[in-house]
Amino acid sequence: MYLKPKSITRQIAPLVLLANWIPLAIAQSPVWSGSVTASYQYHTLKHPTGIGYTGWLYRGRPGLIIADTGNHLIRSFDMLAGTLSVLAGNGTAGYANGNLTAAEFDNPTGIEVVPGIDRNPTTGATYYWNTIYVADTSNNVIRRFCVGSPYNLHDTPCSSFSFNFVETYAGNHTRGYVNGSLLSAEFAGLAGVPMSSGGYAVDAANHVVRSIGSSVSTYAGTGTPGFVNGPISSAQFNTPTQLKAVGGALYITDAGNSVIRKVSGGNVTTFAGSGQIGYHDGPPGTAKFAWPTSIEYNSADSYFYVTDPINNVIRRIDSSGNVSTYAGAPTSGYVDGSLSQARFNNPTDLVIVNGLMYVTDTNNNCVRLIDMKAGVVSTYIN
């Protein structure tokens, strides 16, 4: 399901914030610099949206996890071998749990990858796995599965039957707005599932952020679309799509209001954007976005990066909320080159890994790579 606000192109899908969460109690992920010259040609992606990174895909190999929305699949990309594979789903739009290749999704968008590591105390062997959460948007549920090589399944966040098995984690497959137990709750147009940011679901069509723990509750918003700052219980959003937790605060792409909101100390404020749809760089109160869908924080330079898909650009925001254009121009296209020369067509999500930015260029059906040091945009997966 694509959201279809008035005067907005229908190809913009709700998206998830992608985080590379690593528990403090486990070893850090291997650092992967990626390739800044390779371009892998497959021509099989169809409107990819959510994207996530893991340092230990397939026994320690670095990889990307991609929501191949138009094909109703979850894909994996092995960054060492350069291979694009189907990780979960059978390519049919539907709602079926089961083994990875038998499961069915319906327009999956948001991806969250939660890596884990375990060591055999007897042999010293290391085992890796990933818990992958999916905003299964048209099914109005959060799906979950584990992949990897754990030797003690009870040590993973997944139950024993969900290793290489897709299960419903939250939601009852009915479109609605109901809090309660995980499997009795109802969502509408789920966009983001940033579980590593504290356990949230960005419930776009209900215009709220839900809290996901042992049960589902409303964290912020009233369920009525609007643009109201204030306490989280009375603040209003309009089609929020993604969030990022940074420094004790949550930063939310409030797509329908074309702003970035901030939640801190139980209060919602506007971090960047005037609330008017458009394209304008500048201070937080005058800058304009057009349906921003995802946000990522880069600790290396202390900037936020936002996909601004209707404007076909990647925006950059400093800690004071000042907005600038980082890559692209407000003209759709498909051009590699310098940051200013590059052209995108509805960039929807991004993830930053060791100075490299991977962007789902949704309407170009590809993943673009930005070498942030060199300031060069290339096609990574096509």
Protein backbone atom coordinates (compact mmCIF):
# COMPACT_ATOMS: atom_id res chain seq x y z
CA MET A 1 0.00 0.00 0.00
CA TYR A 2 1.36 3.38 -0.98
CA LEU A 3 0.11 6.43 0.81
CA LYS A 4 -1.71 8.75 -1.56
CA PRO A 5 -2.01 12.25 -0.09
CA LYS A 6 -3.59 14.82 -2.34
CA SER A 7 -1.22 16.18 -5.00
CA ILE A 8 1.50 13.72 -3.96
CA THR A 9 2.70 11.04 -6.33
CA ARG A 10 1.57 7.58 -5.28
CA GLN A 11 5.03 6.07 -5.56
CA ILE A 12 6.09 7.41 -2.18
CA ALA A 13 5.84 4.56 0.31
CA PRO A 14 6.05 4.89 4.08
CA LEU A 15 9.50 4.00 5.32
CA VAL A 16 11.47 2.76 8.30
CA LEU A 17 14.40 4.21 10.13
CA LEU A 18 17.32 1.83 9.67
CA ALA A 19 19.60 1.37 12.53
CA ASN A 20 22.64 -0.83 12.93
CA TRP A 21 21.98 -1.67 16.58
CA ILE A 22 24.65 -3.59 18.43
CA PRO A 23 24.10 -4.43 22.11
CA LEU A 24 26.88 -3.15 24.35
CA ALA A 25 27.33 -6.59 25.82
CA ILE A 26 28.45 -8.13 22.54
CA ALA A 27 31.41 -7.62 20.25
CA GLN A 28 31.23 -4.85 17.70
CA SER A 29 30.37 -5.56 14.09
CA PRO A 30 33.24 -5.86 11.63
CA VAL A 31 33.83 -2.53 9.91
CA TRP A 32 33.22 -2.67 6.19
CA SER A 33 34.22 0.17 3.93
CA GLY A 34 32.37 -1.23 0.93
CA SER A 35 33.27 -0.64 -2.68
CA VAL A 36 33.07 2.86 -4.08
CA THR A 37 33.63 1.77 -7.67
CA ALA A 38 31.59 -1.40 -8.16
CA SER A 39 28.20 -1.37 -9.82
CA TYR A 40 26.21 -4.58 -9.67
CA GLN A 41 23.69 -5.16 -12.45
CA TYR A 42 20.65 -7.31 -11.68
CA HIS A 43 17.69 -5.24 -12.92
CA THR A 44 15.27 -7.08 -10.64
CA LEU A 45 14.46 -4.54 -7.91
CA LYS A 46 11.01 -2.98 -8.12
CA HIS A 47 10.43 0.19 -6.11
CA PRO A 48 12.83 -0.67 -3.25
CA THR A 49 12.14 1.32 -0.10
CA GLY A 50 13.58 0.32 3.30
CA ILE A 51 17.26 -0.52 3.65
CA GLY A 52 19.41 -1.74 6.54
CA TYR A 53 23.00 -2.82 7.09
CA THR A 54 24.49 -5.75 8.96
CA GLY A 55 28.17 -6.43 9.56
CA TRP A 56 27.57 -10.15 9.80
CA LEU A 57 25.38 -11.34 7.01
CA TYR A 58 26.08 -15.04 6.39
CA ARG A 59 28.81 -15.87 8.93
CA GLY A 60 30.37 -12.49 9.39
CA ARG A 61 30.03 -11.13 5.86
CA PRO A 62 28.82 -7.52 5.56
CA GLY A 63 25.54 -7.00 3.78
CA LEU A 64 22.47 -4.92 3.07
CA ILE A 65 18.87 -5.91 3.75
CA ILE A 66 16.41 -4.33 1.29
CA ALA A 67 12.63 -4.11 1.24
CA ASP A 68 11.88 -4.87 -2.40
CA THR A 69 8.43 -3.38 -2.06
CA GLY A 70 7.05 -3.84 -5.56
CA ASN A 71 8.10 -7.49 -5.61
CA HIS A 72 6.78 -8.14 -2.07
CA LEU A 73 10.19 -9.52 -1.05
CA ILE A 74 12.96 -8.98 1.47
CA ARG A 75 16.32 -9.09 -0.33
CA SER A 76 19.87 -9.49 0.96
CA PHE A 77 22.99 -8.20 -0.74
CA ASP A 78 26.36 -9.80 0.07
CA MET A 79 28.80 -6.90 -0.11
CA LEU A 80 31.84 -9.16 -0.47
CA ALA A 81 30.49 -11.40 -3.21
CA GLY A 82 28.31 -8.75 -4.87
CA THR A 83 25.32 -11.09 -4.93
CA LEU A 84 21.68 -10.06 -4.59
CA SER A 85 19.43 -12.80 -3.20
CA VAL A 86 15.87 -13.30 -2.02
CA LEU A 87 16.02 -13.55 1.76
CA ALA A 88 12.31 -13.90 2.53
CA GLY A 89 9.06 -14.01 0.60
CA ASN A 90 7.85 -15.84 -2.49
CA GLY A 91 7.08 -12.80 -4.61
CA THR A 92 3.31 -13.07 -4.21
CA ALA A 93 1.41 -10.32 -2.40
CA GLY A 94 -0.25 -12.04 0.52
CA TYR A 95 -0.14 -12.77 4.21
CA ALA A 96 1.45 -16.09 5.10
CA ASN A 97 3.87 -17.00 7.85
CA GLY A 98 6.24 -19.90 7.40
CA ASN A 99 9.66 -20.80 6.09
CA LEU A 100 11.55 -17.93 4.49
CA THR A 101 10.81 -18.87 0.88
CA ALA A 102 7.17 -19.77 1.56
CA ALA A 103 6.19 -16.64 3.51
CA GLU A 104 4.20 -13.88 1.86
CA PHE A 105 4.36 -10.12 2.37
CA ASP A 106 2.25 -7.31 0.94
CA ASN A 107 4.19 -4.14 0.13
CA PRO A 108 6.84 -4.43 2.87
CA THR A 109 8.53 -1.08 3.46
CA GLY A 110 10.28 -0.57 6.80
CA ILE A 111 13.33 -2.65 7.69
CA GLU A 112 15.14 -2.92 11.01
CA VAL A 113 18.16 -5.19 11.37
CA VAL A 114 19.17 -6.19 14.90
CA PRO A 115 22.44 -8.18 14.82
CA GLY A 116 23.58 -10.63 17.48
CA ILE A 117 26.65 -12.72 18.22
CA ASP A 118 27.29 -15.81 20.32
CA ARG A 119 30.39 -17.85 21.14
CA ASN A 120 30.57 -21.51 22.00
CA PRO A 121 32.37 -21.63 25.37
CA THR A 122 33.73 -25.09 24.60
CA THR A 123 35.01 -24.72 21.04
CA GLY A 124 35.39 -20.96 20.90
CA ALA A 125 33.43 -20.93 17.63
CA THR A 126 31.60 -17.68 16.84
CA TYR A 127 27.99 -17.67 15.65
CA TYR A 128 26.20 -14.74 14.09
CA TRP A 129 22.54 -14.00 13.48
CA ASN A 130 20.24 -11.12 12.64
CA THR A 131 16.73 -10.47 13.86
CA ILE A 132 14.97 -8.67 11.03
CA TYR A 133 11.80 -6.68 11.67
CA VAL A 134 9.60 -5.71 8.71
CA ALA A 135 6.82 -3.15 8.45
CA ASP A 136 4.48 -5.26 6.34
CA THR A 137 2.55 -2.20 5.31
CA SER A 138 -0.48 -3.48 3.44
CA ASN A 139 -0.93 -6.31 5.94
CA ASN A 140 -0.85 -3.79 8.83
CA VAL A 141 1.48 -5.97 10.90
CA ILE A 142 5.08 -6.17 12.02
CA ARG A 143 6.77 -9.36 10.82
CA ARG A 144 9.94 -10.87 12.30
CA PHE A 145 12.45 -13.58 11.46
CA CYS A 146 15.97 -14.65 12.40
CA VAL A 147 18.73 -15.64 10.00
CA GLY A 148 22.30 -16.67 10.73
CA SER A 149 24.04 -19.46 12.58
CA PRO A 150 23.19 -19.44 16.30
CA TYR A 151 23.99 -22.59 18.23
CA ASN A 152 21.80 -21.74 21.23
CA LEU A 153 18.49 -20.46 19.96
CA HIS A 154 17.41 -19.52 23.47
CA ASP A 155 20.15 -16.90 23.45
CA THR A 156 18.63 -15.10 20.46
CA PRO A 157 15.79 -12.58 20.58
CA CYS A 158 13.71 -15.02 18.51
CA SER A 159 11.73 -18.00 19.62
CA SER A 160 12.98 -21.34 18.35
CA PHE A 161 10.41 -21.58 15.57
CA SER A 162 11.23 -18.17 14.10
CA PHE A 163 14.80 -19.01 13.10
CA ASN A 164 14.56 -19.10 9.27
CA PHE A 165 10.82 -18.72 9.82
CA VAL A 166 8.70 -15.61 9.27
CA GLU A 167 6.24 -14.89 12.07
CA THR A 168 3.88 -12.06 12.95
CA TYR A 169 5.41 -10.08 15.78
CA ALA A 170 2.68 -7.48 16.32
CA GLY A 171 -0.72 -6.76 14.82
CA ASN A 172 -3.75 -8.89 14.00
CA HIS A 173 -3.87 -8.24 10.24
CA THR A 174 -6.82 -5.88 10.63
CA ARG A 175 -6.46 -2.23 9.67
CA GLY A 176 -7.40 -0.18 12.70
CA TYR A 177 -6.17 1.64 15.78
CA VAL A 178 -6.24 -0.63 18.82
CA ASN A 179 -3.71 -0.89 21.66
CA GLY A 180 -3.25 -4.07 23.66
CA SER A 181 -1.30 -7.30 23.48
CA LEU A 182 1.15 -7.70 20.62
CA LEU A 183 -1.08 -9.94 18.53
CA SER A 184 -4.36 -8.19 19.28
CA ALA A 185 -3.18 -4.65 18.46
CA GLU A 186 -4.21 -2.98 15.23
CA PHE A 187 -2.18 -0.69 12.97
CA ALA A 188 -2.81 1.21 9.75
CA GLY A 189 -0.16 1.74 7.11
CA LEU A 190 2.88 0.91 9.21
CA ALA A 191 5.95 2.76 7.99
CA GLY A 192 8.85 2.37 10.42
CA VAL A 193 9.77 -0.29 12.95
CA PRO A 194 12.80 1.18 14.76
CA MET A 195 12.93 -1.50 17.44
CA SER A 196 16.54 -0.72 18.30
CA SER A 197 15.65 2.87 19.18
CA GLY A 198 13.65 1.63 22.16
CA GLY A 199 10.85 -0.36 20.59
CA TYR A 200 8.58 1.77 18.41
CA ALA A 201 6.31 1.47 15.41
CA VAL A 202 5.67 4.51 13.26
CA ASP A 203 1.99 4.08 12.50
CA ALA A 204 1.65 6.38 9.52
CA ALA A 205 -2.04 6.20 8.65
CA ASN A 206 -3.01 6.50 12.33
CA HIS A 207 -0.74 9.54 12.63
CA VAL A 208 0.94 8.27 15.81
CA VAL A 209 4.09 6.68 17.13
CA ARG A 210 3.32 3.44 18.97
CA SER A 211 5.42 1.93 21.74
CA ILE A 212 6.24 -1.77 21.30
CA GLY A 213 7.20 -3.81 24.35
CA SER A 214 5.32 -6.69 25.90
CA SER A 215 2.25 -4.92 24.53
CA VAL A 216 1.38 -2.07 22.17
CA SER A 217 0.51 1.42 23.39
CA THR A 218 0.44 4.91 21.93
CA TYR A 219 3.64 6.81 22.63
CA ALA A 220 2.96 10.12 20.89
CA GLY A 221 0.05 11.58 18.94
CA THR A 222 -3.70 11.56 19.27
CA GLY A 223 -4.68 9.50 16.23
CA THR A 224 -6.04 12.60 14.49
CA PRO A 225 -3.94 14.20 11.72
CA GLY A 226 -2.70 17.66 12.57
CA PHE A 227 0.31 19.84 13.27
CA VAL A 228 0.35 20.51 17.00
CA ASN A 229 3.38 20.72 19.29
CA GLY A 230 3.24 20.11 23.03
CA PRO A 231 2.99 17.13 25.38
CA ILE A 232 3.20 13.76 23.63
CA SER A 233 -0.37 12.92 24.62
CA SER A 234 -1.85 15.95 22.87
CA ALA A 235 0.65 16.59 20.06
CA GLN A 236 -0.48 15.78 16.54
CA PHE A 237 1.33 14.42 13.50
CA ASN A 238 0.33 13.92 9.90
CA THR A 239 1.57 10.64 8.42
CA PRO A 240 4.82 10.17 10.38
CA THR A 241 7.08 7.70 8.61
CA GLN A 242 10.33 7.18 10.49
CA LEU A 243 12.26 8.07 13.61
CA LYS A 244 15.81 8.10 14.92
CA ALA A 245 16.87 8.15 18.56
CA VAL A 246 19.82 10.47 19.18
CA GLY A 247 21.06 11.82 22.50
CA GLY A 248 17.94 10.94 24.46
CA ALA A 249 15.59 12.52 21.92
CA LEU A 250 13.54 11.12 19.04
CA TYR A 251 13.65 12.77 15.63
CA ILE A 252 10.63 11.97 13.44
CA THR A 253 9.97 12.54 9.76
CA ASP A 254 6.47 14.00 9.87
CA ALA A 255 5.90 13.46 6.17
CA GLY A 256 2.40 14.88 5.79
CA ASN A 257 3.42 18.10 7.55
CA SER A 258 6.71 18.22 5.59
CA VAL A 259 8.73 18.80 8.77
CA ILE A 260 11.07 17.01 11.13
CA ARG A 261 9.71 16.79 14.67
CA LYS A 262 11.66 16.26 17.89
CA VAL A 263 10.45 14.49 21.03
CA SER A 264 12.38 15.26 24.20
CA GLY A 265 11.31 15.30 27.83
CA GLY A 266 7.80 14.21 26.91
CA ASN A 267 7.24 17.16 24.60
CA VAL A 268 7.02 17.45 20.82
CA THR A 269 8.60 20.39 19.00
CA THR A 270 9.40 21.17 15.37
CA PHE A 271 13.09 20.59 14.71
CA ALA A 272 13.29 21.65 11.05
CA GLY A 273 10.83 22.85 8.44
CA SER A 274 8.19 25.53 8.17
CA GLY A 275 5.26 23.18 7.67
CA GLN A 276 4.79 24.38 4.10
CA ILE A 277 5.43 21.85 1.36
CA GLY A 278 8.15 23.02 -1.00
CA TYR A 279 11.88 23.19 -1.52
CA HIS A 280 13.92 25.74 0.36
CA ASP A 281 17.19 25.56 2.27
CA GLY A 282 17.72 27.71 5.34
CA PRO A 283 16.97 28.11 9.05
CA PRO A 284 14.61 25.67 10.75
CA GLY A 285 11.55 27.92 10.57
CA THR A 286 11.85 28.79 6.88
CA ALA A 287 13.22 25.60 5.33
CA LYS A 288 10.81 23.56 3.23
CA PHE A 289 10.56 19.84 2.54
CA ALA A 290 8.17 17.82 0.41
CA TRP A 291 7.08 14.64 2.15
CA PRO A 292 10.35 13.65 3.92
CA THR A 293 10.37 9.90 4.55
CA SER A 294 13.50 8.85 6.43
CA ILE A 295 16.14 10.26 8.73
CA GLU A 296 19.59 9.04 9.73
CA TYR A 297 22.19 10.53 12.05
CA ASN A 298 25.86 10.45 11.11
CA SER A 299 28.00 10.63 14.25
CA ALA A 300 31.12 11.22 12.13
CA ASP A 301 30.00 14.74 11.18
CA SER A 302 27.08 15.32 13.63
CA TYR A 303 24.57 15.92 10.84
CA PHE A 304 21.15 14.42 10.20
CA TYR A 305 20.45 13.22 6.67
CA VAL A 306 16.89 13.13 5.34
CA THR A 307 15.42 11.68 2.16
CA ASP A 308 13.20 14.30 0.54
CA PRO A 309 11.60 12.18 -2.19
CA ILE A 310 9.19 14.57 -3.87
CA ASN A 311 12.08 17.01 -4.24
CA ASN A 312 14.33 14.15 -5.39
CA VAL A 313 17.14 15.16 -3.03
CA ILE A 314 18.98 14.21 0.13
CA ARG A 315 18.87 17.02 2.69
CA ARG A 316 21.30 17.65 5.54
CA ILE A 317 20.38 19.20 8.90
CA ASP A 318 22.75 20.50 11.57
CA SER A 319 22.15 20.29 15.32
CA SER A 320 20.34 23.64 15.28
CA GLY A 321 17.87 22.56 12.59
CA ASN A 322 19.44 24.48 9.69
CA VAL A 323 18.72 22.70 6.41
CA SER A 324 20.85 22.40 3.28
CA THR A 325 20.77 20.22 0.18
CA TYR A 326 23.35 17.46 0.37
CA ALA A 327 22.88 15.55 -2.89
CA GLY A 328 20.69 15.87 -5.96
CA ALA A 329 18.54 18.66 -7.30
CA PRO A 330 14.76 19.22 -7.38
CA THR A 331 14.47 17.54 -10.76
CA SER A 332 13.89 13.83 -11.12
CA GLY A 333 16.42 11.86 -13.13
CA TYR A 334 19.04 9.17 -13.05
CA VAL A 335 22.53 10.64 -13.16
CA ASP A 336 25.70 9.63 -11.34
CA GLY A 337 28.45 12.13 -10.57
CA SER A 338 29.23 14.80 -8.02
CA LEU A 339 26.75 15.60 -5.26
CA SER A 340 25.36 18.55 -7.20
CA GLN A 341 25.35 16.79 -10.58
CA ALA A 342 23.62 13.62 -9.36
CA ARG A 343 19.93 13.09 -9.97
CA PHE A 344 17.51 10.81 -8.11
CA ASN A 345 13.90 9.76 -8.64
CA ASN A 346 12.08 9.54 -5.30
CA PRO A 347 14.91 8.57 -2.94
CA THR A 348 13.13 6.98 0.00
CA ASP A 349 15.53 5.61 2.60
CA LEU A 350 19.21 5.63 3.46
CA VAL A 351 21.76 4.06 5.74
CA ILE A 352 25.30 5.29 6.49
CA VAL A 353 28.18 2.86 7.02
CA ASN A 354 31.73 4.03 7.63
CA GLY A 355 31.50 7.13 5.44
CA LEU A 356 29.39 5.50 2.72
CA MET A 357 25.71 6.28 2.26
CA TYR A 358 23.41 3.73 0.61
CA VAL A 359 20.15 5.18 -0.75
CA THR A 360 17.10 3.38 -2.10
CA ASP A 361 16.34 5.32 -5.27
CA THR A 362 12.81 4.03 -5.43
CA ASN A 363 11.52 5.06 -8.83
CA ASN A 364 14.86 4.31 -10.48
CA ASN A 365 14.58 0.77 -9.05
CA CYS A 366 18.11 0.78 -7.70
CA VAL A 367 20.37 1.44 -4.72
CA ARG A 368 22.73 4.41 -5.05
CA LEU A 369 26.03 4.79 -3.22
CA ILE A 370 27.41 8.09 -2.00
CA ASP A 371 31.09 8.25 -1.08
CA MET A 372 30.74 10.96 1.53
CA LYS A 373 34.48 11.72 1.63
CA ALA A 374 34.83 12.09 -2.12
CA GLY A 375 31.38 13.62 -2.62
CA VAL A 376 30.52 11.28 -5.48
CA VAL A 377 27.24 9.48 -6.24
CA SER A 378 27.29 6.17 -8.13
CA THR A 379 24.89 3.31 -8.82
CA TYR A 380 25.61 0.40 -6.48
CA ILE A 381 22.84 -2.11 -7.24
CA ASN A 382 20.76 -1.87 -10.38
